[in-house]
Amino acid sequence: MSEFAYLASISLVLGTILLVFGMKYLSAARQARSRVISEDAYRELAQKAVAAQSDNATSLSSIQSGLSEVNTRLAAVEKILKAVE
């Protein structure tokens, strides 16, 4: 076996091993990067949900105060109508 063929076969085997480990490293790095991006998207979605829930709570409280005012006025109107009868 010639010296060139021996070195070429050894370098091909070692190159293949290095290539496989390099591909595994790149795959793991891409997965980690995509996981971080996805977690950031979920975090942003959660912040938007909290803000929307806060706005809904504010709207609900204003609606409830308006409804209580309407109930008070209705009771006054009913009292006046009963007094007229």
PDB file of N, CA and C in Angstrom:
ATOM      1  N   MET A   1       0.852  -1.153   0.000  1.00  0.00           N
ATOM      2  CA  MET A   1       0.000   0.000   0.000  1.00  0.00           C
ATOM      3  C   MET A   1       0.910   1.231   0.000  1.00  0.00           C
ATOM      4  N   SER A   2       0.602   2.124  -0.863  1.00  0.00           N
ATOM      5  CA  SER A   2       1.462   3.305  -0.969  1.00  0.00           C
ATOM      6  C   SER A   2       1.175   4.262   0.188  1.00  0.00           C
ATOM      7  N   GLU A   3       2.122   5.113   0.424  1.00  0.00           N
ATOM      8  CA  GLU A   3       2.014   6.060   1.523  1.00  0.00           C
ATOM      9  C   GLU A   3       0.881   7.059   1.283  1.00  0.00           C
ATOM     10  N   PHE A   4       0.698   7.472   0.049  1.00  0.00           N
ATOM     11  CA  PHE A   4      -0.365   8.426  -0.289  1.00  0.00           C
ATOM     12  C   PHE A   4      -1.744   7.818  -0.055  1.00  0.00           C
ATOM     13  N   ALA A   5      -1.948   6.577  -0.456  1.00  0.00           N
ATOM     14  CA  ALA A   5      -3.244   5.922  -0.283  1.00  0.00           C
ATOM     15  C   ALA A   5      -3.553   5.737   1.194  1.00  0.00           C
ATOM     16  N   TYR A   6      -2.508   5.407   1.971  1.00  0.00           N
ATOM     17  CA  TYR A   6      -2.696   5.224   3.404  1.00  0.00           C
ATOM     18  C   TYR A   6      -3.118   6.551   4.064  1.00  0.00           C
ATOM     19  N   LEU A   7      -2.411   7.623   3.770  1.00  0.00           N
ATOM     20  CA  LEU A   7      -2.742   8.926   4.343  1.00  0.00           C
ATOM     21  C   LEU A   7      -4.108   9.419   3.864  1.00  0.00           C
ATOM     22  N   ALA A   8      -4.450   9.157   2.622  1.00  0.00           N
ATOM     23  CA  ALA A   8      -5.744   9.574   2.095  1.00  0.00           C
ATOM     24  C   ALA A   8      -6.872   8.830   2.793  1.00  0.00           C
ATOM     25  N   SER A   9      -6.716   7.517   2.997  1.00  0.00           N
ATOM     26  CA  SER A   9      -7.776   6.750   3.657  1.00  0.00           C
ATOM     27  C   SER A   9      -7.917   7.165   5.117  1.00  0.00           C
ATOM     28  N   ILE A  10      -6.815   7.407   5.809  1.00  0.00           N
ATOM     29  CA  ILE A  10      -6.877   7.861   7.198  1.00  0.00           C
ATOM     30  C   ILE A  10      -7.541   9.240   7.272  1.00  0.00           C
ATOM     31  N   SER A  11      -7.154  10.146   6.379  1.00  0.00           N
ATOM     32  CA  SER A  11      -7.719  11.490   6.419  1.00  0.00           C
ATOM     33  C   SER A  11      -9.199  11.474   6.048  1.00  0.00           C
ATOM     34  N   LEU A  12      -9.637  10.580   5.159  1.00  0.00           N
ATOM     35  CA  LEU A  12     -11.057  10.466   4.836  1.00  0.00           C
ATOM     36  C   LEU A  12     -11.862   9.984   6.041  1.00  0.00           C
ATOM     37  N   VAL A  13     -11.328   9.011   6.753  1.00  0.00           N
ATOM     38  CA  VAL A  13     -12.024   8.498   7.933  1.00  0.00           C
ATOM     39  C   VAL A  13     -12.106   9.586   9.000  1.00  0.00           C
ATOM     40  N   LEU A  14     -10.999  10.238   9.278  1.00  0.00           N
ATOM     41  CA  LEU A  14     -10.990  11.291  10.289  1.00  0.00           C
ATOM     42  C   LEU A  14     -11.839  12.489   9.845  1.00  0.00           C
ATOM     43  N   GLY A  15     -11.795  12.813   8.576  1.00  0.00           N
ATOM     44  CA  GLY A  15     -12.608  13.905   8.047  1.00  0.00           C
ATOM     45  C   GLY A  15     -14.089  13.613   8.177  1.00  0.00           C
ATOM     46  N   THR A  16     -14.455  12.353   7.921  1.00  0.00           N
ATOM     47  CA  THR A  16     -15.856  11.958   8.059  1.00  0.00           C
ATOM     48  C   THR A  16     -16.311  12.080   9.502  1.00  0.00           C
ATOM     49  N   ILE A  17     -15.473  11.647  10.421  1.00  0.00           N
ATOM     50  CA  ILE A  17     -15.810  11.747  11.839  1.00  0.00           C
ATOM     51  C   ILE A  17     -15.965  13.211  12.237  1.00  0.00           C
ATOM     52  N   LEU A  18     -15.026  14.051  11.819  1.00  0.00           N
ATOM     53  CA  LEU A  18     -15.124  15.478  12.135  1.00  0.00           C
ATOM     54  C   LEU A  18     -16.357  16.099  11.499  1.00  0.00           C
ATOM     55  N   LEU A  19     -16.694  15.699  10.300  1.00  0.00           N
ATOM     56  CA  LEU A  19     -17.873  16.224   9.621  1.00  0.00           C
ATOM     57  C   LEU A  19     -19.154  15.844  10.363  1.00  0.00           C
ATOM     58  N   VAL A  20     -19.230  14.603  10.828  1.00  0.00           N
ATOM     59  CA  VAL A  20     -20.425  14.154  11.559  1.00  0.00           C
ATOM     60  C   VAL A  20     -20.575  14.942  12.859  1.00  0.00           C
ATOM     61  N   PHE A  21     -19.487  15.104  13.605  1.00  0.00           N
ATOM     62  CA  PHE A  21     -19.574  15.857  14.850  1.00  0.00           C
ATOM     63  C   PHE A  21     -19.874  17.332  14.591  1.00  0.00           C
ATOM     64  N   GLY A  22     -19.336  17.879  13.526  1.00  0.00           N
ATOM     65  CA  GLY A  22     -19.632  19.259  13.164  1.00  0.00           C
ATOM     66  C   GLY A  22     -21.096  19.439  12.815  1.00  0.00           C
ATOM     67  N   MET A  23     -21.663  18.487  12.090  1.00  0.00           N
ATOM     68  CA  MET A  23     -23.080  18.559  11.732  1.00  0.00           C
ATOM     69  C   MET A  23     -23.952  18.437  12.978  1.00  0.00           C
ATOM     70  N   LYS A  24     -23.568  17.561  13.915  1.00  0.00           N
ATOM     71  CA  LYS A  24     -24.331  17.436  15.155  1.00  0.00           C
ATOM     72  C   LYS A  24     -24.279  18.730  15.958  1.00  0.00           C
ATOM     73  N   TYR A  25     -23.112  19.384  15.997  1.00  0.00           N
ATOM     74  CA  TYR A  25     -22.970  20.638  16.721  1.00  0.00           C
ATOM     75  C   TYR A  25     -23.834  21.719  16.078  1.00  0.00           C
ATOM     76  N   LEU A  26     -23.787  21.833  14.765  1.00  0.00           N
ATOM     77  CA  LEU A  26     -24.602  22.838  14.080  1.00  0.00           C
ATOM     78  C   LEU A  26     -26.089  22.584  14.288  1.00  0.00           C
ATOM     79  N   SER A  27     -26.494  21.317  14.267  1.00  0.00           N
ATOM     80  CA  SER A  27     -27.898  20.987  14.495  1.00  0.00           C
ATOM     81  C   SER A  27     -28.328  21.385  15.899  1.00  0.00           C
ATOM     82  N   ALA A  28     -27.507  21.112  16.881  1.00  0.00           N
ATOM     83  CA  ALA A  28     -27.831  21.477  18.267  1.00  0.00           C
ATOM     84  C   ALA A  28     -27.879  22.995  18.424  1.00  0.00           C
ATOM     85  N   ALA A  29     -26.974  23.704  17.768  1.00  0.00           N
ATOM     86  CA  ALA A  29     -26.968  25.165  17.857  1.00  0.00           C
ATOM     87  C   ALA A  29     -28.222  25.751  17.217  1.00  0.00           C
ATOM     88  N   ARG A  30     -28.633  25.218  16.076  1.00  0.00           N
ATOM     89  CA  ARG A  30     -29.847  25.701  15.423  1.00  0.00           C
ATOM     90  C   ARG A  30     -31.087  25.405  16.264  1.00  0.00           C
ATOM     91  N   GLN A  31     -31.132  24.232  16.869  1.00  0.00           N
ATOM     92  CA  GLN A  31     -32.274  23.900  17.719  1.00  0.00           C
ATOM     93  C   GLN A  31     -32.342  24.830  18.924  1.00  0.00           C
ATOM     94  N   ALA A  32     -31.208  25.130  19.514  1.00  0.00           N
ATOM     95  CA  ALA A  32     -31.185  26.039  20.663  1.00  0.00           C
ATOM     96  C   ALA A  32     -31.629  27.436  20.240  1.00  0.00           C
ATOM     97  N   ARG A  33     -31.164  27.885  19.087  1.00  0.00           N
ATOM     98  CA  ARG A  33     -31.551  29.214  18.603  1.00  0.00           C
ATOM     99  C   ARG A  33     -33.045  29.271  18.330  1.00  0.00           C
ATOM    100  N   SER A  34     -33.588  28.240  17.702  1.00  0.00           N
ATOM    101  CA  SER A  34     -35.031  28.238  17.420  1.00  0.00           C
ATOM    102  C   SER A  34     -35.846  28.125  18.710  1.00  0.00           C
ATOM    103  N   ARG A  35     -35.334  27.422  19.697  1.00  0.00           N
ATOM    104  CA  ARG A  35     -36.021  27.316  20.988  1.00  0.00           C
ATOM    105  C   ARG A  35     -36.073  28.677  21.677  1.00  0.00           C
ATOM    106  N   VAL A  36     -34.982  29.428  21.605  1.00  0.00           N
ATOM    107  CA  VAL A  36     -34.956  30.762  22.207  1.00  0.00           C
ATOM    108  C   VAL A  36     -35.940  31.681  21.504  1.00  0.00           C
ATOM    109  N   ILE A  37     -35.983  31.614  20.189  1.00  0.00           N
ATOM    110  CA  ILE A  37     -36.922  32.441  19.421  1.00  0.00           C
ATOM    111  C   ILE A  37     -38.353  32.085  19.784  1.00  0.00           C
ATOM    112  N   SER A  38     -38.641  30.797  19.893  1.00  0.00           N
ATOM    113  CA  SER A  38     -39.989  30.357  20.236  1.00  0.00           C
ATOM    114  C   SER A  38     -40.363  30.776  21.652  1.00  0.00           C
ATOM    115  N   GLU A  39     -39.429  30.700  22.597  1.00  0.00           N
ATOM    116  CA  GLU A  39     -39.710  31.133  23.961  1.00  0.00           C
ATOM    117  C   GLU A  39     -39.964  32.633  24.010  1.00  0.00           C
ATOM    118  N   ASP A  40     -39.224  33.389  23.225  1.00  0.00           N
ATOM    119  CA  ASP A  40     -39.457  34.841  23.170  1.00  0.00           C
ATOM    120  C   ASP A  40     -40.840  35.145  22.614  1.00  0.00           C
ATOM    121  N   ALA A  41     -41.255  34.377  21.608  1.00  0.00           N
ATOM    122  CA  ALA A  41     -42.587  34.588  21.033  1.00  0.00           C
ATOM    123  C   ALA A  41     -43.666  34.266  22.070  1.00  0.00           C
ATOM    124  N   TYR A  42     -43.490  33.186  22.822  1.00  0.00           N
ATOM    125  CA  TYR A  42     -44.461  32.849  23.869  1.00  0.00           C
ATOM    126  C   TYR A  42     -44.488  33.913  24.964  1.00  0.00           C
ATOM    127  N   ARG A  43     -43.312  34.440  25.321  1.00  0.00           N
ATOM    128  CA  ARG A  43     -43.234  35.474  26.343  1.00  0.00           C
ATOM    129  C   ARG A  43     -43.967  36.736  25.873  1.00  0.00           C
ATOM    130  N   GLU A  44     -43.764  37.103  24.626  1.00  0.00           N
ATOM    131  CA  GLU A  44     -44.455  38.270  24.074  1.00  0.00           C
ATOM    132  C   GLU A  44     -45.962  38.041  24.034  1.00  0.00           C
ATOM    133  N   LEU A  45     -46.375  36.840  23.663  1.00  0.00           N
ATOM    134  CA  LEU A  45     -47.803  36.511  23.643  1.00  0.00           C
ATOM    135  C   LEU A  45     -48.403  36.582  25.041  1.00  0.00           C
ATOM    136  N   ALA A  46     -47.668  36.105  26.037  1.00  0.00           N
ATOM    137  CA  ALA A  46     -48.149  36.157  27.418  1.00  0.00           C
ATOM    138  C   ALA A  46     -48.277  37.605  27.892  1.00  0.00           C
ATOM    139  N   GLN A  47     -47.327  38.458  27.516  1.00  0.00           N
ATOM    140  CA  GLN A  47     -47.411  39.866  27.902  1.00  0.00           C
ATOM    141  C   GLN A  47     -48.621  40.535  27.251  1.00  0.00           C
ATOM    142  N   LYS A  48     -48.883  40.202  25.997  1.00  0.00           N
ATOM    143  CA  LYS A  48     -50.053  40.760  25.323  1.00  0.00           C
ATOM    144  C   LYS A  48     -51.334  40.265  25.987  1.00  0.00           C
ATOM    145  N   ALA A  49     -51.367  39.006  26.395  1.00  0.00           N
ATOM    146  CA  ALA A  49     -52.549  38.453  27.053  1.00  0.00           C
ATOM    147  C   ALA A  49     -52.790  39.147  28.394  1.00  0.00           C
ATOM    148  N   VAL A  50     -51.728  39.411  29.136  1.00  0.00           N
ATOM    149  CA  VAL A  50     -51.872  40.104  30.426  1.00  0.00           C
ATOM    150  C   VAL A  50     -52.393  41.516  30.206  1.00  0.00           C
ATOM    151  N   ALA A  51     -51.866  42.200  29.186  1.00  0.00           N
ATOM    152  CA  ALA A  51     -52.328  43.564  28.901  1.00  0.00           C
ATOM    153  C   ALA A  51     -53.794  43.558  28.486  1.00  0.00           C
ATOM    154  N   ALA A  52     -54.178  42.594  27.655  1.00  0.00           N
ATOM    155  CA  ALA A  52     -55.578  42.498  27.223  1.00  0.00           C
ATOM    156  C   ALA A  52     -56.485  42.184  28.400  1.00  0.00           C
ATOM    157  N   GLN A  53     -56.047  41.316  29.284  1.00  0.00           N
ATOM    158  CA  GLN A  53     -56.853  40.971  30.453  1.00  0.00           C
ATOM    159  C   GLN A  53     -57.017  42.189  31.365  1.00  0.00           C
ATOM    160  N   SER A  54     -55.979  42.972  31.506  1.00  0.00           N
ATOM    161  CA  SER A  54     -56.066  44.186  32.312  1.00  0.00           C
ATOM    162  C   SER A  54     -57.054  45.175  31.697  1.00  0.00           C
ATOM    163  N   ASP A  55     -56.988  45.337  30.376  1.00  0.00           N
ATOM    164  CA  ASP A  55     -57.939  46.225  29.697  1.00  0.00           C
ATOM    165  C   ASP A  55     -59.371  45.718  29.853  1.00  0.00           C
ATOM    166  N   ASN A  56     -59.546  44.410  29.753  1.00  0.00           N
ATOM    167  CA  ASN A  56     -60.880  43.829  29.920  1.00  0.00           C
ATOM    168  C   ASN A  56     -61.407  44.051  31.334  1.00  0.00           C
ATOM    169  N   ALA A  57     -60.535  43.929  32.327  1.00  0.00           N
ATOM    170  CA  ALA A  57     -60.957  44.149  33.709  1.00  0.00           C
ATOM    171  C   ALA A  57     -61.367  45.607  33.918  1.00  0.00           C
ATOM    172  N   THR A  58     -60.636  46.524  33.317  1.00  0.00           N
ATOM    173  CA  THR A  58     -60.979  47.945  33.421  1.00  0.00           C
ATOM    174  C   THR A  58     -62.324  48.214  32.762  1.00  0.00           C
ATOM    175  N   SER A  59     -62.515  47.658  31.574  1.00  0.00           N
ATOM    176  CA  SER A  59     -63.787  47.841  30.873  1.00  0.00           C
ATOM    177  C   SER A  59     -64.944  47.244  31.663  1.00  0.00           C
ATOM    178  N   LEU A  60     -64.732  46.071  32.231  1.00  0.00           N
ATOM    179  CA  LEU A  60     -65.771  45.418  33.016  1.00  0.00           C
ATOM    180  C   LEU A  60     -66.152  46.242  34.230  1.00  0.00           C
ATOM    181  N   SER A  61     -65.171  46.815  34.901  1.00  0.00           N
ATOM    182  CA  SER A  61     -65.493  47.627  36.079  1.00  0.00           C
ATOM    183  C   SER A  61     -66.263  48.880  35.687  1.00  0.00           C
ATOM    184  N   SER A  62     -65.920  49.489  34.543  1.00  0.00           N
ATOM    185  CA  SER A  62     -66.671  50.676  34.122  1.00  0.00           C
ATOM    186  C   SER A  62     -68.096  50.301  33.712  1.00  0.00           C
ATOM    187  N   ILE A  63     -68.264  49.141  33.086  1.00  0.00           N
ATOM    188  CA  ILE A  63     -69.603  48.676  32.715  1.00  0.00           C
ATOM    189  C   ILE A  63     -70.429  48.389  33.970  1.00  0.00           C
ATOM    190  N   GLN A  64     -69.802  47.776  34.963  1.00  0.00           N
ATOM    191  CA  GLN A  64     -70.515  47.475  36.202  1.00  0.00           C
ATOM    192  C   GLN A  64     -70.930  48.750  36.928  1.00  0.00           C
ATOM    193  N   SER A  65     -70.078  49.757  36.930  1.00  0.00           N
ATOM    194  CA  SER A  65     -70.456  51.011  37.591  1.00  0.00           C
ATOM    195  C   SER A  65     -71.595  51.686  36.835  1.00  0.00           C
ATOM    196  N   GLY A  66     -71.570  51.631  35.499  1.00  0.00           N
ATOM    197  CA  GLY A  66     -72.671  52.176  34.707  1.00  0.00           C
ATOM    198  C   GLY A  66     -73.964  51.427  34.957  1.00  0.00           C
ATOM    199  N   LEU A  67     -73.884  50.120  35.076  1.00  0.00           N
ATOM    200  CA  LEU A  67     -75.065  49.302  35.331  1.00  0.00           C
ATOM    201  C   LEU A  67     -75.645  49.586  36.713  1.00  0.00           C
ATOM    202  N   SER A  68     -74.796  49.777  37.691  1.00  0.00           N
ATOM    203  CA  SER A  68     -75.307  50.095  39.031  1.00  0.00           C
ATOM    204  C   SER A  68     -75.992  51.464  39.030  1.00  0.00           C
ATOM    205  N   GLU A  69     -75.462  52.398  38.246  1.00  0.00           N
ATOM    206  CA  GLU A  69     -76.111  53.706  38.132  1.00  0.00           C
ATOM    207  C   GLU A  69     -77.475  53.576  37.464  1.00  0.00           C
ATOM    208  N   VAL A  70     -77.581  52.752  36.435  1.00  0.00           N
ATOM    209  CA  VAL A  70     -78.868  52.516  35.762  1.00  0.00           C
ATOM    210  C   VAL A  70     -79.848  51.866  36.723  1.00  0.00           C
ATOM    211  N   ASN A  71     -79.389  50.906  37.513  1.00  0.00           N
ATOM    212  CA  ASN A  71     -80.259  50.253  38.498  1.00  0.00           C
ATOM    213  C   ASN A  71     -80.779  51.251  39.529  1.00  0.00           C
ATOM    214  N   THR A  72     -79.921  52.153  39.964  1.00  0.00           N
ATOM    215  CA  THR A  72     -80.337  53.181  40.923  1.00  0.00           C
ATOM    216  C   THR A  72     -81.408  54.074  40.317  1.00  0.00           C
ATOM    217  N   ARG A  73     -81.192  54.500  39.086  1.00  0.00           N
ATOM    218  CA  ARG A  73     -82.184  55.353  38.419  1.00  0.00           C
ATOM    219  C   ARG A  73     -83.500  54.619  38.194  1.00  0.00           C
ATOM    220  N   LEU A  74     -83.409  53.336  37.818  1.00  0.00           N
ATOM    221  CA  LEU A  74     -84.616  52.539  37.608  1.00  0.00           C
ATOM    222  C   LEU A  74     -85.405  52.407  38.907  1.00  0.00           C
ATOM    223  N   ALA A  75     -84.708  52.191  39.999  1.00  0.00           N
ATOM    224  CA  ALA A  75     -85.395  52.099  41.299  1.00  0.00           C
ATOM    225  C   ALA A  75     -86.096  53.412  41.627  1.00  0.00           C
ATOM    226  N   ALA A  76     -85.460  54.539  41.298  1.00  0.00           N
ATOM    227  CA  ALA A  76     -86.087  55.843  41.557  1.00  0.00           C
ATOM    228  C   ALA A  76     -87.328  56.020  40.694  1.00  0.00           C
ATOM    229  N   VAL A  77     -87.255  55.598  39.431  1.00  0.00           N
ATOM    230  CA  VAL A  77     -88.406  55.712  38.533  1.00  0.00           C
ATOM    231  C   VAL A  77     -89.539  54.815  39.020  1.00  0.00           C
ATOM    232  N   GLU A  78     -89.218  53.599  39.452  1.00  0.00           N
ATOM    233  CA  GLU A  78     -90.249  52.690  39.976  1.00  0.00           C
ATOM    234  C   GLU A  78     -90.904  53.282  41.218  1.00  0.00           C
ATOM    235  N   LYS A  79     -90.118  53.915  42.067  1.00  0.00           N
ATOM    236  CA  LYS A  79     -90.670  54.527  43.279  1.00  0.00           C
ATOM    237  C   LYS A  79     -91.630  55.661  42.912  1.00  0.00           C
ATOM    238  N   ILE A  80     -91.250  56.470  41.929  1.00  0.00           N
ATOM    239  CA  ILE A  80     -92.113  57.567  41.492  1.00  0.00           C
ATOM    240  C   ILE A  80     -93.397  57.012  40.884  1.00  0.00           C
ATOM    241  N   LEU A  81     -93.299  55.961  40.065  1.00  0.00           N
ATOM    242  CA  LEU A  81     -94.488  55.374  39.436  1.00  0.00           C
ATOM    243  C   LEU A  81     -95.424  54.764  40.479  1.00  0.00           C
ATOM    244  N   LYS A  82     -94.869  54.146  41.511  1.00  0.00           N
ATOM    245  CA  LYS A  82     -95.708  53.573  42.568  1.00  0.00           C
ATOM    246  C   LYS A  82     -96.406  54.688  43.343  1.00  0.00           C
ATOM    247  N   ALA A  83     -95.705  55.790  43.515  1.00  0.00           N
ATOM    248  CA  ALA A  83     -96.307  56.920  44.238  1.00  0.00           C
ATOM    249  C   ALA A  83     -97.421  57.552  43.431  1.00  0.00           C
ATOM    250  N   VAL A  84     -97.330  57.514  42.105  1.00  0.00           N
ATOM    251  CA  VAL A  84     -98.367  58.101  41.233  1.00  0.00           C
ATOM    252  C   VAL A  84     -99.617  57.236  41.245  1.00  0.00           C
ATOM    253  N   GLU A  85     -99.497  55.968  41.343  1.00  0.00           N
ATOM    254  CA  GLU A  85    -100.651  55.045  41.316  1.00  0.00           C
ATOM    255  C   GLU A  85    -101.496  55.266  42.475  1.00  0.00           C
TER     256      GLU A  85
END
